[in-house]
């Protein structure tokens, strides 16, 4: 709650795509780097006006994030409240989806902030309870697949021409397709 603080969360998203040379397989990944604003107790800071309103919204968004994390750590839970805030909606696939989640917590060493530091440690502990099984995101590159299929069609047409003795340039008729 100092004057230099932006009092906001920041989410930086990086989309990665890789492909081995000569392979038709694409690997995709998304990396969310999230900087959460601190959750100071408003009564301790003594702020008012606009800063008080900002602090309330930040604390509310952190509350919604905590609700999602608690729901994800409960094994039998069927509903996860991702849609309670924009932040939890954006981070949906980084929390309970096909992902690996890592949290780095920054704590205050000042004695007057011990309650906030303990709260942060408890929050980090709840994040650690989330268990996901990440699998590799692989898909076939559609452009390469089209080229391969076109080559296969050309090869099959050539083979058919050798077998029948005539070269065809037109498409097969419906009757020929169903034989």
Protein backbone atom coordinates (compact mmCIF):
# COMPACT_ATOMS: atom_id res chain seq x y z
CA UNK A 1 0.00 0.00 0.00
CA UNK A 2 2.80 2.43 -0.80
CA UNK A 3 2.59 5.24 -3.36
CA UNK A 4 4.98 3.47 -5.76
CA UNK A 5 2.79 0.35 -5.96
CA UNK A 6 0.61 -0.11 -9.06
CA UNK A 7 -1.93 -1.92 -6.88
CA UNK A 8 -2.81 -4.33 -9.64
CA UNK A 9 -2.25 -7.88 -10.76
CA UNK A 10 -0.23 -8.52 -13.91
CA UNK A 11 -0.54 -11.55 -16.19
CA UNK A 12 2.04 -12.02 -18.95
CA UNK A 13 1.18 -14.85 -21.35
CA UNK A 14 3.63 -16.51 -23.75
CA UNK A 15 2.37 -18.93 -26.44
CA UNK A 16 5.00 -21.40 -27.65
CA UNK A 17 4.88 -23.65 -30.71
CA UNK A 18 7.64 -26.03 -31.77
CA UNK A 19 8.09 -28.50 -34.62
CA UNK A 20 10.91 -30.89 -35.38
CA UNK A 21 12.34 -30.42 -38.91
CA UNK A 22 10.57 -32.78 -41.32
CA UNK A 23 7.90 -33.72 -38.78
CA UNK A 24 4.20 -32.96 -39.15
CA UNK A 25 3.74 -32.84 -35.37
CA UNK A 26 3.30 -29.47 -33.66
CA UNK A 27 3.83 -29.06 -29.93
CA UNK A 28 2.02 -26.18 -28.25
CA UNK A 29 2.39 -24.65 -24.81
CA UNK A 30 1.16 -21.62 -22.95
CA UNK A 31 3.10 -20.00 -20.14
CA UNK A 32 1.37 -17.61 -17.73
CA UNK A 33 3.64 -15.47 -15.57
CA UNK A 34 1.45 -13.91 -12.90
CA UNK A 35 2.36 -11.16 -10.47
CA UNK A 36 -0.34 -10.85 -7.84
CA UNK A 37 -0.76 -7.62 -5.93
CA UNK A 38 -0.31 -7.95 -2.19
CA UNK A 39 -3.22 -8.45 0.15
CA UNK A 40 -2.70 -5.94 2.94
CA UNK A 41 -5.22 -5.56 5.68
CA UNK A 42 -7.02 -2.30 4.93
CA UNK A 43 -7.44 -1.41 8.62
CA UNK A 44 -3.64 -1.49 9.08
CA UNK A 45 -2.89 0.81 6.18
CA UNK A 46 -5.37 3.52 7.06
CA UNK A 47 -6.00 4.43 3.42
CA UNK A 48 -9.18 5.93 2.12
CA UNK A 49 -10.79 7.10 -1.09
CA UNK A 50 -9.50 5.64 -4.35
CA UNK A 51 -6.73 3.59 -2.69
CA UNK A 52 -9.31 1.99 -0.39
CA UNK A 53 -11.51 1.07 -3.37
CA UNK A 54 -8.50 -0.42 -5.21
CA UNK A 55 -7.52 -2.42 -2.12
CA UNK A 56 -11.04 -3.83 -1.80
CA UNK A 57 -11.09 -4.98 -5.44
CA UNK A 58 -7.63 -6.52 -5.16
CA UNK A 59 -8.57 -8.38 -1.99
CA UNK A 60 -11.82 -9.56 -3.61
CA UNK A 61 -10.00 -10.92 -6.68
CA UNK A 62 -7.51 -12.71 -4.42
CA UNK A 63 -10.47 -14.16 -2.49
CA UNK A 64 -11.94 -15.53 -5.75
CA UNK A 65 -8.56 -17.00 -6.70
CA UNK A 66 -8.34 -18.67 -3.31
CA UNK A 67 -11.85 -20.13 -3.74
CA UNK A 68 -10.74 -21.72 -7.03
CA UNK A 69 -7.56 -23.09 -5.46
CA UNK A 70 -9.48 -24.56 -2.51
CA UNK A 71 -12.02 -26.14 -4.89
CA UNK A 72 -9.24 -27.66 -7.00
CA UNK A 73 -7.56 -29.19 -3.97
CA UNK A 74 -10.78 -30.92 -2.89
CA UNK A 75 -10.88 -34.30 -4.63
CA UNK A 76 -14.65 -34.75 -4.81
CA UNK A 77 -15.47 -31.21 -5.91
CA UNK A 78 -17.35 -31.08 -9.22
CA UNK A 79 -17.81 -27.32 -9.65
CA UNK A 80 -14.82 -24.98 -9.77
CA UNK A 81 -15.84 -21.27 -9.60
CA UNK A 82 -13.57 -20.00 -12.41
CA UNK A 83 -16.13 -17.47 -13.66
CA UNK A 84 -16.23 -15.44 -10.44
CA UNK A 85 -13.51 -13.10 -11.73
CA UNK A 86 -11.71 -12.21 -14.93
CA UNK A 87 -8.39 -13.29 -13.43
CA UNK A 88 -9.58 -16.81 -12.56
CA UNK A 89 -11.17 -17.14 -16.01
CA UNK A 90 -7.89 -16.19 -17.71
CA UNK A 91 -5.88 -18.54 -15.49
CA UNK A 92 -8.33 -21.43 -15.77
CA UNK A 93 -6.06 -23.68 -17.83
CA UNK A 94 -3.06 -22.79 -15.67
CA UNK A 95 -4.73 -23.82 -12.45
CA UNK A 96 -6.79 -26.93 -13.04
CA UNK A 97 -6.12 -27.77 -16.64
CA UNK A 98 -3.35 -29.58 -18.46
CA UNK A 99 -0.57 -27.75 -16.66
CA UNK A 100 2.21 -27.59 -14.14
CA UNK A 101 1.68 -24.81 -11.60
CA UNK A 102 4.50 -23.25 -9.61
CA UNK A 103 4.14 -20.47 -7.07
CA UNK A 104 6.83 -18.19 -5.70
CA UNK A 105 5.71 -16.25 -2.63
CA UNK A 106 7.31 -13.03 -1.44
CA UNK A 107 7.06 -12.39 2.27
CA UNK A 108 7.63 -9.33 4.41
CA UNK A 109 10.24 -9.70 7.12
CA UNK A 110 8.84 -6.86 9.20
CA UNK A 111 7.24 -7.91 12.46
CA UNK A 112 4.19 -5.72 11.86
CA UNK A 113 3.42 -7.74 8.68
CA UNK A 114 3.60 -11.19 10.26
CA UNK A 115 -0.13 -11.84 9.79
CA UNK A 116 0.10 -11.10 6.05
CA UNK A 117 3.22 -13.29 5.72
CA UNK A 118 1.50 -16.20 7.45
CA UNK A 119 -1.56 -15.72 5.21
CA UNK A 120 0.70 -15.79 2.14
CA UNK A 121 2.35 -19.02 3.34
CA UNK A 122 -1.06 -20.64 3.84
CA UNK A 123 -2.10 -19.54 0.35
CA UNK A 124 1.08 -21.03 -1.13
CA UNK A 125 0.46 -24.25 0.80
CA UNK A 126 -3.04 -24.52 -0.73
CA UNK A 127 -1.56 -24.00 -4.21
CA UNK A 128 0.88 -26.84 -3.49
CA UNK A 129 -2.06 -29.17 -2.82
CA UNK A 130 -3.30 -28.86 -6.41
CA UNK A 131 -2.34 -32.02 -8.31
CA UNK A 132 -2.52 -31.98 -12.11
CA UNK A 133 -1.27 -34.51 -14.62
CA UNK A 134 0.13 -32.58 -17.54
CA UNK A 135 0.36 -34.28 -20.93
CA UNK A 136 2.14 -33.11 -24.04
CA UNK A 137 0.01 -30.94 -26.34
CA UNK A 138 0.72 -32.40 -29.77
CA UNK A 139 -1.21 -32.05 -33.00
CA UNK A 140 -0.60 -32.68 -36.67
CA UNK A 141 0.26 -29.57 -38.70
CA UNK A 142 -2.76 -29.23 -41.04
CA UNK A 143 -0.72 -27.69 -43.88
CA UNK A 144 1.76 -30.56 -43.91
CA UNK A 145 -1.06 -33.10 -43.64
CA UNK A 146 -2.78 -31.60 -46.70
CA UNK A 147 0.47 -31.78 -48.70
CA UNK A 148 1.00 -35.42 -47.67
CA UNK A 149 -2.59 -36.37 -48.58
CA UNK A 150 -2.29 -34.63 -51.97
CA UNK A 151 0.91 -36.58 -52.66
CA UNK A 152 -0.82 -39.82 -51.62
CA UNK A 153 -3.72 -39.05 -53.99
CA UNK A 154 -1.26 -38.41 -56.84
CA UNK A 155 0.54 -41.69 -56.09
CA UNK A 156 -2.76 -43.62 -56.01
CA UNK A 157 -3.85 -42.06 -59.31
CA UNK A 158 -0.56 -43.10 -60.89
CA UNK A 159 -0.95 -46.64 -59.51
CA UNK A 160 -4.54 -46.79 -60.81
CA UNK A 161 -3.39 -45.58 -64.23
CA UNK A 162 -0.75 -48.31 -64.39
CA UNK A 163 -3.30 -50.97 -63.40
CA UNK A 164 -5.99 -49.86 -65.88
CA UNK A 165 -3.72 -48.62 -68.64
CA UNK A 166 -5.40 -45.21 -68.81
CA UNK A 167 -4.52 -41.93 -67.13
CA UNK A 168 -7.41 -40.11 -65.48
CA UNK A 169 -7.44 -36.42 -64.68
CA UNK A 170 -11.07 -36.14 -63.58
CA UNK A 171 -12.40 -37.15 -60.18
CA UNK A 172 -13.93 -40.57 -59.60
CA UNK A 173 -17.68 -40.88 -60.10
CA UNK A 174 -20.03 -41.73 -57.21
CA UNK A 175 -20.46 -45.25 -58.61
CA UNK A 176 -16.69 -45.80 -58.73
CA UNK A 177 -16.30 -44.54 -55.17
CA UNK A 178 -18.79 -47.12 -53.82
CA UNK A 179 -17.38 -50.18 -55.58
